[in-house]
């Protein structure tokens, strides 16, 4: 990737950089993978992602909804029922993320080997 004056990805406040920041977040990717399986409620999502805090999950869901990646449906019942699902826009994002997942699964042995070389190289210093 090369930055130029027409590419707002490299600008500090460009829209592309904002979207990249959203989708580069590990929690965003995990939430999308979970919700893509089926429409889910908040507590279901949280149970499926060990280690995610309530604050982080709430923030990720809000950002995804704000950017049109997921849809939140609130049902007028007591107690309130809220469900989340991936939008058609979100599904196009998942297609790209699946390529990244494939790359990581395919190249994990090389990444792990590189880590070992790195540790040996810098352990001596």
C-alpha atoms as a PDB file:
ATOM      1  CA  UNK A   1       0.000   0.000   0.000  1.00  0.00           C
ATOM      2  CA  UNK A   2       1.356   3.378  -0.953  1.00  0.00           C
ATOM      3  CA  UNK A   3       0.031   6.696   0.284  1.00  0.00           C
ATOM      4  CA  UNK A   4      -0.596   9.605  -2.045  1.00  0.00           C
ATOM      5  CA  UNK A   5      -2.540  12.870  -1.953  1.00  0.00           C
ATOM      6  CA  UNK A   6      -5.733  11.189  -3.272  1.00  0.00           C
ATOM      7  CA  UNK A   7      -5.650   8.423  -0.665  1.00  0.00           C
ATOM      8  CA  UNK A   8      -7.313   9.460   2.574  1.00  0.00           C
ATOM      9  CA  UNK A   9      -6.272   6.218   4.318  1.00  0.00           C
ATOM     10  CA  UNK A  10      -2.983   7.815   5.265  1.00  0.00           C
ATOM     11  CA  UNK A  11      -4.524  11.085   6.436  1.00  0.00           C
ATOM     12  CA  UNK A  12      -4.899  11.410  10.192  1.00  0.00           C
ATOM     13  CA  UNK A  13      -8.622  12.165   9.959  1.00  0.00           C
ATOM     14  CA  UNK A  14      -9.684  10.615   6.653  1.00  0.00           C
ATOM     15  CA  UNK A  15     -12.897   8.558   6.473  1.00  0.00           C
ATOM     16  CA  UNK A  16     -11.043   5.509   5.159  1.00  0.00           C
ATOM     17  CA  UNK A  17      -8.720   5.598   8.141  1.00  0.00           C
ATOM     18  CA  UNK A  18     -11.674   5.733  10.517  1.00  0.00           C
ATOM     19  CA  UNK A  19     -13.251   2.669   8.910  1.00  0.00           C
ATOM     20  CA  UNK A  20      -9.907   0.866   8.864  1.00  0.00           C
ATOM     21  CA  UNK A  21      -9.534   1.600  12.570  1.00  0.00           C
ATOM     22  CA  UNK A  22     -12.931   0.051  13.212  1.00  0.00           C
ATOM     23  CA  UNK A  23     -12.337  -3.157  11.284  1.00  0.00           C
ATOM     24  CA  UNK A  24      -8.725  -3.565  12.431  1.00  0.00           C
ATOM     25  CA  UNK A  25      -9.941  -4.024  16.012  1.00  0.00           C
ATOM     26  CA  UNK A  26      -9.743  -7.678  17.111  1.00  0.00           C
ATOM     27  CA  UNK A  27     -13.015  -7.410  19.019  1.00  0.00           C
ATOM     28  CA  UNK A  28     -14.827  -6.058  15.965  1.00  0.00           C
ATOM     29  CA  UNK A  29     -13.752  -9.043  13.898  1.00  0.00           C
ATOM     30  CA  UNK A  30     -14.755 -11.525  16.599  1.00  0.00           C
ATOM     31  CA  UNK A  31     -18.155  -9.886  17.129  1.00  0.00           C
ATOM     32  CA  UNK A  32     -18.829  -9.970  13.397  1.00  0.00           C
ATOM     33  CA  UNK A  33     -17.881 -13.637  13.118  1.00  0.00           C
ATOM     34  CA  UNK A  34     -20.195 -14.517  16.005  1.00  0.00           C
ATOM     35  CA  UNK A  35     -23.191 -12.475  14.818  1.00  0.00           C
ATOM     36  CA  UNK A  36     -22.778 -13.675  11.240  1.00  0.00           C
ATOM     37  CA  UNK A  37     -23.817 -17.163  12.339  1.00  0.00           C
ATOM     38  CA  UNK A  38     -27.302 -15.972  13.276  1.00  0.00           C
ATOM     39  CA  UNK A  39     -29.230 -13.105  14.845  1.00  0.00           C
ATOM     40  CA  UNK A  40     -28.170 -12.890  18.493  1.00  0.00           C
ATOM     41  CA  UNK A  41     -28.905 -11.108  21.730  1.00  0.00           C
ATOM     42  CA  UNK A  42     -26.296  -9.161  23.696  1.00  0.00           C
ATOM     43  CA  UNK A  43     -25.696 -11.774  26.408  1.00  0.00           C
ATOM     44  CA  UNK A  44     -25.325 -14.527  23.810  1.00  0.00           C
ATOM     45  CA  UNK A  45     -22.641 -12.533  22.030  1.00  0.00           C
ATOM     46  CA  UNK A  46     -20.809 -11.836  25.267  1.00  0.00           C
ATOM     47  CA  UNK A  47     -20.855 -15.521  26.269  1.00  0.00           C
ATOM     48  CA  UNK A  48     -19.414 -16.547  22.894  1.00  0.00           C
ATOM     49  CA  UNK A  49     -16.409 -14.192  23.194  1.00  0.00           C
ATOM     50  CA  UNK A  50     -14.358 -14.970  26.310  1.00  0.00           C
ATOM     51  CA  UNK A  51     -12.440 -11.996  27.648  1.00  0.00           C
ATOM     52  CA  UNK A  52     -14.543  -9.220  26.138  1.00  0.00           C
ATOM     53  CA  UNK A  53     -15.777  -6.741  28.720  1.00  0.00           C
ATOM     54  CA  UNK A  54     -19.298  -5.351  28.767  1.00  0.00           C
ATOM     55  CA  UNK A  55     -17.918  -1.868  28.066  1.00  0.00           C
ATOM     56  CA  UNK A  56     -15.906  -3.010  25.031  1.00  0.00           C
ATOM     57  CA  UNK A  57     -18.742  -5.116  23.616  1.00  0.00           C
ATOM     58  CA  UNK A  58     -21.191  -2.244  23.964  1.00  0.00           C
ATOM     59  CA  UNK A  59     -18.751   0.116  22.246  1.00  0.00           C
ATOM     60  CA  UNK A  60     -18.068  -2.305  19.363  1.00  0.00           C
ATOM     61  CA  UNK A  61     -21.777  -2.965  18.811  1.00  0.00           C
ATOM     62  CA  UNK A  62     -22.513   0.765  18.735  1.00  0.00           C
ATOM     63  CA  UNK A  63     -19.718   1.457  16.258  1.00  0.00           C
ATOM     64  CA  UNK A  64     -20.794  -1.401  14.002  1.00  0.00           C
ATOM     65  CA  UNK A  65     -24.391  -0.193  14.068  1.00  0.00           C
ATOM     66  CA  UNK A  66     -23.353   3.426  13.435  1.00  0.00           C
ATOM     67  CA  UNK A  67     -21.385   2.340  10.368  1.00  0.00           C
ATOM     68  CA  UNK A  68     -24.163   0.171   8.939  1.00  0.00           C
ATOM     69  CA  UNK A  69     -22.313  -3.103   9.503  1.00  0.00           C
ATOM     70  CA  UNK A  70     -24.892  -4.550  11.901  1.00  0.00           C
ATOM     71  CA  UNK A  71     -28.551  -3.873  12.597  1.00  0.00           C
ATOM     72  CA  UNK A  72     -29.995  -3.617  16.098  1.00  0.00           C
ATOM     73  CA  UNK A  73     -33.664  -4.460  16.538  1.00  0.00           C
ATOM     74  CA  UNK A  74     -35.472  -3.461  19.722  1.00  0.00           C
ATOM     75  CA  UNK A  75     -38.730  -5.279  20.460  1.00  0.00           C
ATOM     76  CA  UNK A  76     -41.405  -3.444  22.500  1.00  0.00           C
ATOM     77  CA  UNK A  77     -41.744  -6.062  25.229  1.00  0.00           C
ATOM     78  CA  UNK A  78     -41.041  -6.185  28.946  1.00  0.00           C
ATOM     79  CA  UNK A  79     -38.261  -6.843  29.684  1.00  0.00           C
ATOM     80  CA  UNK A  80     -36.821  -5.240  26.542  1.00  0.00           C
ATOM     81  CA  UNK A  81     -35.562  -7.616  23.885  1.00  0.00           C
ATOM     82  CA  UNK A  82     -32.728  -6.471  21.617  1.00  0.00           C
ATOM     83  CA  UNK A  83     -31.231  -8.486  18.775  1.00  0.00           C
ATOM     84  CA  UNK A  84     -28.238  -7.908  16.531  1.00  0.00           C
ATOM     85  CA  UNK A  85     -27.677  -9.137  12.983  1.00  0.00           C
ATOM     86  CA  UNK A  86     -25.163  -8.496  10.217  1.00  0.00           C
ATOM     87  CA  UNK A  87     -26.425  -6.239   7.415  1.00  0.00           C
ATOM     88  CA  UNK A  88     -25.809  -6.826   3.720  1.00  0.00           C
ATOM     89  CA  UNK A  89     -23.001  -4.238   3.943  1.00  0.00           C
ATOM     90  CA  UNK A  90     -21.542  -6.187   6.855  1.00  0.00           C
ATOM     91  CA  UNK A  91     -21.619  -9.391   4.820  1.00  0.00           C
ATOM     92  CA  UNK A  92     -19.446  -7.750   2.156  1.00  0.00           C
ATOM     93  CA  UNK A  93     -16.947  -6.867   4.889  1.00  0.00           C
ATOM     94  CA  UNK A  94     -17.012 -10.451   6.150  1.00  0.00           C
ATOM     95  CA  UNK A  95     -16.002 -11.658   2.684  1.00  0.00           C
ATOM     96  CA  UNK A  96     -12.801  -9.630   2.969  1.00  0.00           C
ATOM     97  CA  UNK A  97     -12.207 -10.709   6.554  1.00  0.00           C
ATOM     98  CA  UNK A  98     -12.548 -14.359   5.534  1.00  0.00           C
ATOM     99  CA  UNK A  99      -9.610 -13.850   3.164  1.00  0.00           C
ATOM    100  CA  UNK A 100      -7.592 -12.532   6.115  1.00  0.00           C
ATOM    101  CA  UNK A 101      -8.686 -15.508   8.227  1.00  0.00           C
ATOM    102  CA  UNK A 102      -7.611 -17.887   5.464  1.00  0.00           C
ATOM    103  CA  UNK A 103      -4.229 -16.156   5.232  1.00  0.00           C
ATOM    104  CA  UNK A 104      -3.656 -16.383   8.979  1.00  0.00           C
ATOM    105  CA  UNK A 105      -4.633 -20.059   9.135  1.00  0.00           C
ATOM    106  CA  UNK A 106      -2.461 -20.880   6.111  1.00  0.00           C
ATOM    107  CA  UNK A 107       0.618 -18.991   7.306  1.00  0.00           C
ATOM    108  CA  UNK A 108       0.543 -19.572  11.065  1.00  0.00           C
ATOM    109  CA  UNK A 109       3.456 -22.055  10.927  1.00  0.00           C
ATOM    110  CA  UNK A 110       5.621 -19.429   9.216  1.00  0.00           C
ATOM    111  CA  UNK A 111       4.573 -16.746  11.685  1.00  0.00           C
ATOM    112  CA  UNK A 112       5.356 -19.012  14.647  1.00  0.00           C
ATOM    113  CA  UNK A 113       8.759 -19.894  13.152  1.00  0.00           C
ATOM    114  CA  UNK A 114       9.540 -16.203  12.635  1.00  0.00           C
ATOM    115  CA  UNK A 115       8.677 -15.525  16.286  1.00  0.00           C
ATOM    116  CA  UNK A 116      11.105 -18.189  17.425  1.00  0.00           C
ATOM    117  CA  UNK A 117      13.884 -16.747  15.256  1.00  0.00           C
ATOM    118  CA  UNK A 118      13.138 -13.284  16.631  1.00  0.00           C
ATOM    119  CA  UNK A 119      13.220 -14.492  20.257  1.00  0.00           C
ATOM    120  CA  UNK A 120      16.528 -16.307  19.750  1.00  0.00           C
ATOM    121  CA  UNK A 121      18.040 -13.300  17.988  1.00  0.00           C
ATOM    122  CA  UNK A 122      17.119 -10.804  20.702  1.00  0.00           C
ATOM    123  CA  UNK A 123      17.432 -13.087  23.743  1.00  0.00           C
ATOM    124  CA  UNK A 124      21.233 -12.892  23.359  1.00  0.00           C
ATOM    125  CA  UNK A 125      21.332  -9.109  23.679  1.00  0.00           C
END
